Each structure stands twice: as structure tokens, then as C-alpha cells.
């Protein structure tokens, strides 16, 4: 037990040294960086802004239109004119110019209620955009959380493998002393060296895994993938999540499910928009025109006119070759498909929630069992070292005890990691991840 405490103290000191040499990173900081820099979030926010920009009264058809035109024209031409009286007029290079300007104001005051349903549909699409963006954000936060704890897992694994190296070095030292005093064969000493080298090799491989995990987290954070850091984390586990509470929250808060619900509402409003085309459309218009022309040849040397025009218009499409009926039928099918898609997404989320929750519960029980196993393995390893040092056990028995301790620690670590990642997955599915974060 003393050896274990000494090792844990050494690991703590090593962690402090690494913390000073590298940038430290906490989960809250990682999430904040990711929300600011992640490219998927930025793209999603842009799409949400488009949906918001589209949700206007003008786009729905409530507002009038005003068009203004103006034109100035110049001509230069040769003309020959003969009159009834017999007179003749010839002009070369005769110049003329004209100027016209006008404005037209059109306002559809009633379009068969279509504009009202269009505005409602645009609002549903805006809500859907926000829900999709929320889904993207929560998924990115979940990925950051999982990758953050993966880095933490790989850090601890690296420490456990370093602990294993220390145990192998201790075993080799004992084997060396026994060989030099003639109490063991050289083969036993060489085997201890081989096992130590194998442990060092595993430690180097683990360093590569840790570096790869850091690279993946850096990518999620939208920053230089070569940045090195040391994660600071609180491995507090939430083991009190309840399935029924999670399921109720999922039905009410899951952004993917909400986005599908808004899609149903929007598709149903399309049908009402199309029904509005069966009703007459009424509009008002007002216009102003101004024109002026000057010419060096012809009957009129100059002309100027201005005036206004206004009126009311009404239109009613009585028959369009059954195209409106076809569009209404297609809109109805689209709405039905949206409802089916919602049910499919809901069922898929329920399946994923249930299977994740079962795995979460199993890992909670597994962690308790592995905690007992690692304590037993620790005690067994200490006894094996003492027995080997006095010649009461073989190097094979010592190596087996050493590997059993390593595996027990790794299994305990994996169970804790699976509980944490399961917690993140459950909170993500239930739409509570941002609140918890």
C-alpha cells in the first residue's frame, strides 16, 4: 500500500509539472471555445439567420410595392419629309431627345387569406431554424465533452502504464540482485528486461493515442490541431438519472424532435396557403407618368405631358387545368410524410435513449464491482512482490499479478468513463445538455 501511495504522489507531482509546462484546459473553457470557433456551429447560425430574415411581412405579401423608372434618350438622324401641299423638308443630322419618368404603386390588399398563412409558415420555419441550430450546438457540446473525457481517460491510462513500468523496474531490480547472488537464472533476469521493454513500448503507444485524442479535441474547438494541453477535470459522476424523467424531457425538449414538429406545422400551413388561391384577389394601384420630348425635325418641335392613374383590380382564377388540385394533393402528402418522419425520429430517439440508459445503469454496477477488483488486485500484487523478493514465487506469478492490477485499474477507469459519456448522451437525447453544461 505504501508503494501505491508513493506512486500516486509521484503522479500528482508529474501532473503539476505538466500543468506548468502545458496549457491547462477545463471542460467549461473547452465548451466556450468550441461555441465560439466551431465551424459547424457558425454554418448553422448562418442558416438560422436566413430563416429569420425570411420571416417578414413583406416576404409574406402584406406590404405594397413601389417601382420608379426614368429614361433619357438622344437621337441624331437624317430626315426627308414630303407634305400633301407638295412642300419638302430635308434635314441632315437632326437631333431629338426625350425624357420619361414614372412611378407605380401596387398593393394586394386581399389575396384569399394566403398571406396570413404564409406569415405563419415563415414563423414556423424560423422556429425550426432555431431548433436545428440548438441541435447542432448540443451535439457539438456533447462531442466536446466526450472528447474532453477521452483525453482525460488517455492521460490516466498513460499514468497507469507508467505505474506498470515502475513495477516492472522493481521486478527487474529484484531479478538482477537474485541473479548476481546466484539465487536465480540469467533467463529470469532477461525475461524481466523483456517485460520492462514491452511495458515501455505500450507506454509510447499510449502517448500516441493521447496525442491523437488531443488533436481531435482541438479540431472540435476550431483551433490549431497541434496545440498541446493538459486537461483539468472533475470526475464527478451523476448516477441518479431516471429513465421516465429523461423520456418526458426528450419529448418536450429534444431539439431534433422539435424541429420535426415545426416542419409538420409548416407543411400543414402550405395546404391552407394553396386553398387561398381559390378565393378572388383584390388590389389597388396608383401611378404617375411624366414625359418630355424635343426634336429639330417633324411636326412637333417639343412635347410635354404628365399625369396620374389609379384604380382597383380584382382577379379570380376559375380554372387552371386542375393544377391547383394537384398542388393541394401534393401538399397534403408532404404534410403526412412530415408526420411520419416525426414518428420515425421519435421512435429512433426512444430506442437510443433506452439502450443508452441500460448501458449507463450497467456501467454504474460494473464500476462498483471493478472498484472491489482493483483493491484486491492491488493487495495481490503487493503480496506477489514480497513473495518473489524472498524466492517463494515464480516470475510468471509476479508478472500475472502485475498485469491483473493493470487490467483491473483500466477496467475501473473504463467503467467510470462509460458512465460519464453515457450521462452526456442521455442529457443530449433528453434536450438537457445545455442546461447541465
Protein backbone atom coordinates (compact mmCIF):
# COMPACT_ATOMS: atom_id res chain seq x y z
CA UNK A 1 0.00 0.00 0.00
CA UNK A 2 2.95 2.34 0.69
CA UNK A 3 4.21 1.80 -2.82
CA UNK A 4 0.75 2.71 -4.19
CA UNK A 5 0.59 5.94 -2.16
CA UNK A 6 4.12 6.90 -3.17
CA UNK A 7 3.23 6.31 -6.81
CA UNK A 8 0.03 8.39 -6.62
CA UNK A 9 2.01 11.21 -5.04
CA UNK A 10 4.56 10.96 -7.85
CA UNK A 11 1.79 11.08 -10.43
CA UNK A 12 0.36 14.20 -8.78
CA UNK A 13 3.76 15.91 -8.87
CA UNK A 14 4.14 14.88 -12.53
CA UNK A 15 0.71 16.37 -13.25
CA UNK A 16 1.74 19.67 -11.65
CA UNK A 17 4.91 19.77 -13.74
CA UNK A 18 2.89 19.10 -16.91
CA UNK A 19 0.37 21.74 -15.93
CA UNK A 20 3.11 24.32 -15.75
CA UNK A 21 4.73 23.19 -18.99
CA UNK A 22 1.49 22.98 -20.97
CA UNK A 23 -1.66 25.00 -21.28
CA UNK A 24 -4.34 23.69 -18.97
CA UNK A 25 -7.87 23.19 -20.25
CA UNK A 26 -11.07 22.83 -18.24
CA UNK A 27 -14.33 21.48 -19.65
CA UNK A 28 -16.20 24.79 -19.30
CA UNK A 29 -13.40 26.60 -21.13
CA UNK A 30 -13.36 23.97 -23.87
CA UNK A 31 -17.12 24.33 -24.42
CA UNK A 32 -16.82 28.12 -24.54
CA UNK A 33 -14.03 27.94 -27.13
CA UNK A 34 -15.99 25.41 -29.18
CA UNK A 35 -19.16 27.54 -29.22
CA UNK A 36 -17.13 30.48 -30.49
CA UNK A 37 -14.95 28.73 -33.06
CA UNK A 38 -16.59 25.51 -34.25
CA UNK A 39 -17.31 25.74 -37.97
CA UNK A 40 -20.46 23.60 -37.91
CA UNK A 41 -21.99 25.95 -35.33
CA UNK A 42 -21.08 29.02 -37.40
CA UNK A 43 -22.66 27.50 -40.51
CA UNK A 44 -25.79 26.55 -38.56
CA UNK A 45 -26.07 30.06 -37.13
CA UNK A 46 -25.89 31.44 -40.68
CA UNK A 47 -28.75 29.18 -41.76
CA UNK A 48 -30.77 30.30 -38.74
CA UNK A 49 -30.19 33.92 -39.66
CA UNK A 50 -31.50 33.23 -43.18
CA UNK A 51 -34.70 31.75 -41.72
CA UNK A 52 -35.11 34.81 -39.50
CA UNK A 53 -34.50 37.17 -42.42
CA UNK A 54 -37.19 35.39 -44.43
CA UNK A 55 -39.80 35.82 -41.70
CA UNK A 56 -41.06 39.29 -42.70
CA UNK A 57 -44.43 40.77 -43.61
CA UNK A 58 -43.01 41.81 -46.96
CA UNK A 59 -41.98 38.27 -47.81
CA UNK A 60 -45.44 37.06 -46.79
CA UNK A 61 -47.10 39.51 -49.22
CA UNK A 62 -48.62 42.01 -46.76
CA UNK A 63 -46.71 45.09 -47.92
CA UNK A 64 -47.12 47.10 -51.14
CA UNK A 65 -44.55 47.53 -53.88
CA UNK A 66 -43.32 50.80 -55.38
CA UNK A 67 -41.42 50.88 -58.67
CA UNK A 68 -39.85 54.01 -60.14
CA UNK A 69 -38.46 54.25 -63.69
CA UNK A 70 -36.73 57.01 -65.62
CA UNK A 71 -35.17 57.16 -69.06
CA UNK A 72 -33.34 59.80 -71.14
CA UNK A 73 -32.83 59.14 -74.88
CA UNK A 74 -30.96 61.03 -77.58
CA UNK A 75 -31.16 60.52 -81.37
CA UNK A 76 -29.44 62.01 -84.40
CA UNK A 77 -30.82 61.24 -87.85
CA UNK A 78 -31.23 62.43 -91.46
CA UNK A 79 -34.87 63.02 -92.47
CA UNK A 80 -36.73 63.67 -95.76
CA UNK A 81 -40.40 64.68 -95.50
CA UNK A 82 -42.90 65.42 -98.33
CA UNK A 83 -46.22 67.07 -97.44
CA UNK A 84 -49.59 66.95 -99.23
CA UNK A 85 -49.09 70.53 -100.27
CA UNK A 86 -46.04 69.49 -102.27
CA UNK A 87 -43.57 71.07 -99.90
CA UNK A 88 -40.48 69.09 -98.98
CA UNK A 89 -38.25 69.28 -95.91
CA UNK A 90 -34.81 67.76 -95.71
CA UNK A 91 -32.72 67.77 -92.54
CA UNK A 92 -29.34 66.20 -92.03
CA UNK A 93 -28.14 65.43 -88.52
CA UNK A 94 -31.41 66.43 -86.92
CA UNK A 95 -31.23 65.97 -83.18
CA UNK A 96 -34.00 64.93 -80.82
CA UNK A 97 -34.23 63.89 -77.20
CA UNK A 98 -36.83 62.57 -74.84
CA UNK A 99 -37.18 62.11 -71.10
CA UNK A 100 -39.69 59.87 -69.37
CA UNK A 101 -40.25 59.13 -65.72
CA UNK A 102 -42.92 57.36 -63.75
CA UNK A 103 -43.80 55.56 -60.57
CA UNK A 104 -46.19 52.69 -59.92
CA UNK A 105 -47.63 51.76 -56.53
CA UNK A 106 -49.26 48.32 -56.24
CA UNK A 107 -50.83 46.80 -53.15
CA UNK A 108 -52.59 43.48 -52.91
CA UNK A 109 -54.99 44.18 -50.05
CA UNK A 110 -56.55 40.72 -50.09
CA UNK A 111 -55.25 37.53 -51.67
CA UNK A 112 -57.68 34.99 -50.34
CA UNK A 113 -56.02 34.74 -46.86
CA UNK A 114 -52.87 33.26 -48.40
CA UNK A 115 -50.64 35.96 -46.96
CA UNK A 116 -51.76 35.23 -43.40
CA UNK A 117 -50.90 31.54 -43.65
CA UNK A 118 -47.65 32.37 -45.42
CA UNK A 119 -46.60 34.55 -42.48
CA UNK A 120 -47.48 31.76 -40.05
CA UNK A 121 -45.46 29.28 -42.12
CA UNK A 122 -42.44 31.60 -42.14
CA UNK A 123 -42.67 31.82 -38.35
CA UNK A 124 -42.69 28.02 -38.07
CA UNK A 125 -39.68 27.80 -40.38
CA UNK A 126 -37.86 30.35 -38.22
CA UNK A 127 -38.62 28.26 -35.12
CA UNK A 128 -37.38 25.19 -36.98
CA UNK A 129 -34.16 27.03 -37.82
CA UNK A 130 -33.56 27.86 -34.16
CA UNK A 131 -34.33 24.25 -33.16
CA UNK A 132 -31.89 22.89 -35.75
CA UNK A 133 -29.23 25.32 -34.56
CA UNK A 134 -29.88 24.25 -30.97
CA UNK A 135 -29.49 20.62 -32.04
CA UNK A 136 -26.17 21.38 -33.73
CA UNK A 137 -24.91 23.25 -30.67
CA UNK A 138 -25.91 20.49 -28.26
CA UNK A 139 -24.32 17.83 -30.46
CA UNK A 140 -21.08 19.80 -30.65
CA UNK A 141 -21.11 20.34 -26.87
CA UNK A 142 -21.66 16.59 -26.41
CA UNK A 143 -18.78 15.78 -28.76
CA UNK A 144 -16.53 18.24 -26.94
CA UNK A 145 -17.50 16.71 -23.58
CA UNK A 146 -16.89 13.15 -24.75
CA UNK A 147 -13.58 14.04 -26.41
CA UNK A 148 -12.52 16.01 -23.32
CA UNK A 149 -13.13 13.00 -21.09
CA UNK A 150 -11.41 10.81 -23.68
CA UNK A 151 -8.29 12.96 -23.31
CA UNK A 152 -8.63 12.64 -19.53
CA UNK A 153 -9.02 8.87 -19.90
CA UNK A 154 -5.91 8.63 -22.06
CA UNK A 155 -3.97 10.78 -19.56
CA UNK A 156 -4.87 8.46 -16.69
CA UNK A 157 -4.11 5.40 -18.82
CA UNK A 158 -0.71 6.89 -19.50
CA UNK A 159 -0.20 7.23 -15.75
CA UNK A 160 -1.28 3.65 -15.13
CA UNK A 161 1.16 2.40 -17.77
CA UNK A 162 3.88 4.47 -16.13
CA UNK A 163 2.97 2.82 -12.82
CA UNK A 164 3.29 -0.53 -14.56
CA UNK A 165 6.76 0.43 -15.79
CA UNK A 166 7.78 1.27 -12.23
CA UNK A 167 6.57 -2.14 -11.06
CA UNK A 168 8.50 -3.83 -13.88
CA UNK A 169 11.61 -1.87 -12.98
CA UNK A 170 11.24 -3.00 -9.38
CA UNK A 171 10.83 -6.60 -10.53
CA UNK A 172 13.90 -6.34 -12.78
CA UNK A 173 15.95 -4.93 -9.93
CA UNK A 174 14.93 -7.87 -7.73
CA UNK A 175 15.71 -10.35 -10.54
CA UNK A 176 19.08 -8.70 -11.11
CA UNK A 177 20.02 -8.96 -7.45
CA UNK A 178 18.91 -12.58 -7.28
CA UNK A 179 20.92 -13.38 -10.43
CA UNK A 180 24.06 -11.67 -9.12
CA UNK A 181 23.81 -13.58 -5.84
CA UNK A 182 23.21 -16.85 -7.67
CA UNK A 183 19.65 -17.29 -6.48
CA UNK A 184 18.08 -17.03 -9.95
CA UNK A 185 18.98 -17.84 -13.52
CA UNK A 186 20.00 -15.28 -16.10
CA UNK A 187 16.92 -16.24 -18.12
CA UNK A 188 14.73 -14.93 -15.30
CA UNK A 189 16.65 -11.65 -15.29
CA UNK A 190 16.46 -11.34 -19.09
CA UNK A 191 12.72 -12.09 -19.07
CA UNK A 192 12.24 -9.23 -16.61
CA UNK A 193 14.10 -6.97 -19.03
CA UNK A 194 11.92 -8.12 -21.93
CA UNK A 195 8.74 -7.43 -19.94
CA UNK A 196 10.03 -3.98 -18.95
CA UNK A 197 10.78 -3.10 -22.57
CA UNK A 198 7.33 -4.32 -23.55
CA UNK A 199 5.77 -2.06 -20.91
CA UNK A 200 7.80 0.90 -22.17
CA UNK A 201 6.61 0.17 -25.70
CA UNK A 202 2.98 0.17 -24.53
CA UNK A 203 3.64 3.48 -22.79
CA UNK A 204 4.91 5.01 -26.05
CA UNK A 205 1.87 3.72 -27.94
CA UNK A 206 -0.35 5.27 -25.28
CA UNK A 207 1.42 8.60 -25.78
CA UNK A 208 0.43 8.43 -29.46
CA UNK A 209 -3.20 7.73 -28.51
CA UNK A 210 -3.23 10.68 -26.14
CA UNK A 211 -1.79 12.95 -28.83
CA UNK A 212 -4.44 11.77 -31.34
CA UNK A 213 -7.21 12.43 -28.83
CA UNK A 214 -5.89 15.95 -28.19
CA UNK A 215 -5.80 16.58 -31.93
CA UNK A 216 -9.44 15.51 -32.26
CA UNK A 217 -10.47 17.83 -29.40
CA UNK A 218 -8.55 20.74 -30.93
CA UNK A 219 -10.39 20.19 -34.20
CA UNK A 220 -13.75 20.34 -32.43
CA UNK A 221 -12.65 23.59 -30.77
CA UNK A 222 -11.79 25.07 -34.16
CA UNK A 223 -8.19 25.83 -33.24
CA UNK A 224 -4.67 24.74 -34.20
CA UNK A 225 -4.67 20.94 -34.02
CA UNK A 226 -1.01 20.91 -32.92
CA UNK A 227 -1.70 22.79 -29.67
CA UNK A 228 -0.64 20.76 -26.64
CA UNK A 229 -2.52 21.00 -23.35
CA UNK A 230 -3.25 19.21 -20.11
CA UNK A 231 -6.88 18.69 -19.16
CA UNK A 232 -8.08 19.61 -15.69
CA UNK A 233 -11.29 17.79 -14.87
CA UNK A 234 -13.56 16.87 -12.02
CA UNK A 235 -14.55 13.21 -12.44
CA UNK A 236 -17.81 13.64 -10.52
CA UNK A 237 -20.30 11.09 -11.81
CA UNK A 238 -24.06 11.59 -11.95
CA UNK A 239 -25.53 8.17 -11.16
CA UNK A 240 -29.06 9.35 -10.36
CA UNK A 241 -30.62 9.83 -13.79
CA UNK A 242 -34.15 8.35 -14.13
CA UNK A 243 -35.47 6.91 -17.39
CA UNK A 244 -39.04 8.24 -17.20
CA UNK A 245 -37.83 11.76 -16.44
CA UNK A 246 -35.40 11.58 -19.35
CA UNK A 247 -38.09 10.31 -21.72
CA UNK A 248 -40.55 13.06 -20.76
CA UNK A 249 -37.87 15.68 -21.16
CA UNK A 250 -36.90 14.24 -24.56
CA UNK A 251 -40.47 14.54 -25.86
CA UNK A 252 -40.67 18.17 -24.76
CA UNK A 253 -37.12 19.46 -25.21
CA UNK A 254 -35.18 17.41 -27.76
CA UNK A 255 -34.33 20.00 -30.46
CA UNK A 256 -34.27 17.45 -33.28
CA UNK A 257 -37.79 16.35 -32.35
CA UNK A 258 -38.95 19.97 -32.03
CA UNK A 259 -37.52 20.81 -35.45
CA UNK A 260 -39.51 17.93 -36.95
CA UNK A 261 -42.65 19.20 -35.19
CA UNK A 262 -42.18 22.69 -36.65
CA UNK A 263 -41.76 21.06 -40.06
CA UNK A 264 -45.20 19.42 -39.64
CA UNK A 265 -46.76 22.77 -38.78
CA UNK A 266 -45.15 24.45 -41.78
CA UNK A 267 -46.26 21.72 -44.20
CA UNK A 268 -49.83 21.91 -42.93
CA UNK A 269 -49.86 25.67 -43.47
CA UNK A 270 -48.81 25.15 -47.10
CA UNK A 271 -52.17 23.46 -47.71
CA UNK A 272 -54.02 26.46 -46.27
CA UNK A 273 -51.94 28.80 -48.43
CA UNK A 274 -52.98 26.91 -51.53
CA UNK A 275 -56.66 26.90 -50.55
CA UNK A 276 -56.42 30.69 -50.50
CA UNK A 277 -55.82 30.66 -54.25
CA UNK A 278 -59.43 29.57 -54.76
CA UNK A 279 -60.62 32.97 -53.47
CA UNK A 280 -60.53 36.19 -55.55
CA UNK A 281 -57.59 38.55 -55.18
CA UNK A 282 -58.14 42.30 -54.79
CA UNK A 283 -55.53 45.02 -55.26
CA UNK A 284 -55.18 48.76 -55.61
CA UNK A 285 -52.73 50.66 -57.77
CA UNK A 286 -51.59 54.22 -58.28
CA UNK A 287 -49.21 55.61 -60.89
CA UNK A 288 -47.63 58.85 -62.04
CA UNK A 289 -46.08 59.46 -65.50
CA UNK A 290 -44.06 62.33 -66.89
CA UNK A 291 -42.77 62.66 -70.49
CA UNK A 292 -40.97 65.40 -72.42
CA UNK A 293 -39.51 65.34 -75.94
CA UNK A 294 -37.75 67.85 -78.26
CA UNK A 295 -36.95 67.46 -81.96
CA UNK A 296 -35.33 69.53 -84.71
CA UNK A 297 -37.41 67.89 -87.45
CA UNK A 298 -41.03 66.76 -87.75
CA UNK A 299 -44.44 68.19 -86.98
CA UNK A 300 -43.78 68.72 -83.25
CA UNK A 301 -40.72 70.56 -82.04
CA UNK A 302 -41.47 69.79 -78.42
CA UNK A 303 -43.97 67.89 -76.37
CA UNK A 304 -44.55 67.54 -72.62
CA UNK A 305 -47.11 65.51 -70.66
CA UNK A 306 -47.71 64.39 -67.09
CA UNK A 307 -50.49 62.72 -65.18
CA UNK A 308 -51.61 60.16 -62.69
CA UNK A 309 -53.52 56.92 -62.93
CA UNK A 310 -55.17 54.85 -60.26
CA UNK A 311 -57.59 52.04 -59.91
CA UNK A 312 -58.72 48.85 -58.27
CA UNK A 313 -58.09 45.40 -59.69
CA UNK A 314 -59.60 42.02 -58.98
CA UNK A 315 -58.67 38.61 -60.30
CA UNK A 316 -60.07 35.15 -59.82
CA UNK A 317 -58.67 32.05 -61.38
CA UNK A 318 -61.65 29.85 -62.16
CA UNK A 319 -59.81 27.01 -63.89
CA UNK A 320 -56.11 26.23 -64.27
CA UNK A 321 -56.22 22.76 -65.71
CA UNK A 322 -56.61 21.12 -62.25
CA UNK A 323 -53.08 22.22 -61.34
CA UNK A 324 -54.21 23.77 -58.06
CA UNK A 325 -55.89 20.50 -57.08
CA UNK A 326 -52.66 18.65 -57.86
CA UNK A 327 -50.60 21.06 -55.75
CA UNK A 328 -53.03 20.76 -52.83
CA UNK A 329 -52.88 16.96 -53.01
CA UNK A 330 -49.08 17.02 -53.09
CA UNK A 331 -49.01 19.40 -50.11
CA UNK A 332 -51.28 17.02 -48.20
CA UNK A 333 -48.96 14.10 -48.94
CA UNK A 334 -45.95 16.21 -47.85
CA UNK A 335 -47.70 17.02 -44.57
CA UNK A 336 -48.48 13.34 -43.97
CA UNK A 337 -44.86 12.43 -44.72
CA UNK A 338 -43.73 15.07 -42.22
CA UNK A 339 -45.89 13.45 -39.56
CA UNK A 340 -44.48 10.03 -40.39
CA UNK A 341 -40.95 11.44 -40.24
CA UNK A 342 -41.70 12.87 -36.79
CA UNK A 343 -42.90 9.50 -35.52
CA UNK A 344 -39.85 7.78 -37.03
CA UNK A 345 -37.46 10.24 -35.37
CA UNK A 346 -39.29 9.91 -32.06
CA UNK A 347 -39.16 6.10 -32.15
CA UNK A 348 -35.46 6.16 -33.07
CA UNK A 349 -34.70 8.57 -30.21
CA UNK A 350 -36.68 6.43 -27.75
CA UNK A 351 -34.74 3.34 -28.81
CA UNK A 352 -31.43 5.15 -28.46
CA UNK A 353 -32.45 6.63 -25.10
CA UNK A 354 -33.48 3.25 -23.70
CA UNK A 355 -30.39 1.37 -24.90
CA UNK A 356 -28.10 4.16 -23.65
CA UNK A 357 -29.84 4.16 -20.27
CA UNK A 358 -29.45 0.36 -19.90
CA UNK A 359 -25.75 0.67 -20.70
CA UNK A 360 -25.48 3.59 -18.26
CA UNK A 361 -27.04 1.53 -15.44
CA UNK A 362 -24.85 -1.50 -16.19
CA UNK A 363 -21.70 0.63 -16.06
CA UNK A 364 -22.74 2.04 -12.69
CA UNK A 365 -22.94 -1.51 -11.30
CA UNK A 366 -19.79 -2.53 -13.16
CA UNK A 367 -17.83 0.36 -11.65
CA UNK A 368 -18.72 -0.77 -8.11
CA UNK A 369 -17.56 -4.30 -8.90
CA UNK A 370 -14.36 -3.13 -10.62
CA UNK A 371 -13.57 -0.90 -7.66
CA UNK A 372 -13.51 -4.00 -5.46
CA UNK A 373 -11.49 -5.89 -8.07
CA UNK A 374 -8.77 -3.27 -8.29
CA UNK A 375 -8.40 -3.18 -4.49
CA UNK A 376 -7.99 -6.96 -4.44
CA UNK A 377 -5.57 -6.80 -7.40
CA UNK A 378 -3.50 -4.14 -5.61
CA UNK A 379 -3.20 -6.23 -2.47
CA UNK A 380 -2.45 -9.35 -4.51
CA UNK A 381 0.32 -7.56 -6.39
CA UNK A 382 1.95 -6.35 -3.19
CA UNK A 383 1.92 -9.90 -1.81
CA UNK A 384 3.35 -11.25 -5.08
CA UNK A 385 6.24 -8.75 -4.94
CA UNK A 386 7.08 -9.72 -1.37
CA UNK A 387 6.87 -13.45 -2.15
CA UNK A 388 9.04 -13.05 -5.26
CA UNK A 389 11.66 -10.99 -3.41
CA UNK A 390 12.16 -13.82 -0.88
CA UNK A 391 12.01 -16.55 -3.52
CA UNK A 392 8.59 -18.02 -2.68
CA UNK A 393 7.01 -17.40 -6.10
CA UNK A 394 7.97 -17.54 -9.74
CA UNK A 395 8.46 -14.51 -12.03
CA UNK A 396 5.47 -15.74 -14.01
CA UNK A 397 3.22 -15.42 -10.95
CA UNK A 398 4.56 -11.91 -10.28
CA UNK A 399 4.03 -10.85 -13.88
CA UNK A 400 0.48 -12.21 -13.82
CA UNK A 401 -0.30 -10.28 -10.63
CA UNK A 402 1.19 -7.14 -12.14
CA UNK A 403 -0.88 -7.43 -15.33
CA UNK A 404 -4.01 -8.24 -13.32
CA UNK A 405 -3.54 -4.99 -11.39
CA UNK A 406 -3.12 -3.02 -14.61
CA UNK A 407 -6.20 -4.59 -16.19
CA UNK A 408 -8.29 -4.04 -13.05
CA UNK A 409 -7.34 -0.36 -12.96
CA UNK A 410 -8.10 0.02 -16.67
CA UNK A 411 -11.49 -1.68 -16.33
CA UNK A 412 -12.40 0.55 -13.40
CA UNK A 413 -11.31 3.59 -15.40
CA UNK A 414 -13.30 2.47 -18.47
CA UNK A 415 -16.43 1.93 -16.38
CA UNK A 416 -16.18 5.47 -14.97
CA UNK A 417 -15.57 6.83 -18.46
CA UNK A 418 -18.59 4.96 -19.85
CA UNK A 419 -20.79 6.33 -17.05
CA UNK A 420 -19.70 9.89 -17.87
CA UNK A 421 -20.12 9.54 -21.62
CA UNK A 422 -23.45 7.77 -21.05
CA UNK A 423 -24.58 10.67 -18.89
CA UNK A 424 -23.66 13.11 -21.68
CA UNK A 425 -25.54 11.02 -24.26
CA UNK A 426 -28.65 10.81 -22.06
CA UNK A 427 -28.67 14.55 -21.39
CA UNK A 428 -28.20 15.20 -25.10
CA UNK A 429 -31.13 12.95 -26.06
CA UNK A 430 -33.36 14.50 -23.40
CA UNK A 431 -32.53 18.04 -24.53
CA UNK A 432 -30.99 18.99 -21.17
CA UNK A 433 -27.31 19.11 -22.07
CA UNK A 434 -27.01 22.89 -22.39
CA UNK A 435 -28.81 23.41 -19.07
CA UNK A 436 -26.48 20.94 -17.39
CA UNK A 437 -23.40 22.43 -19.03
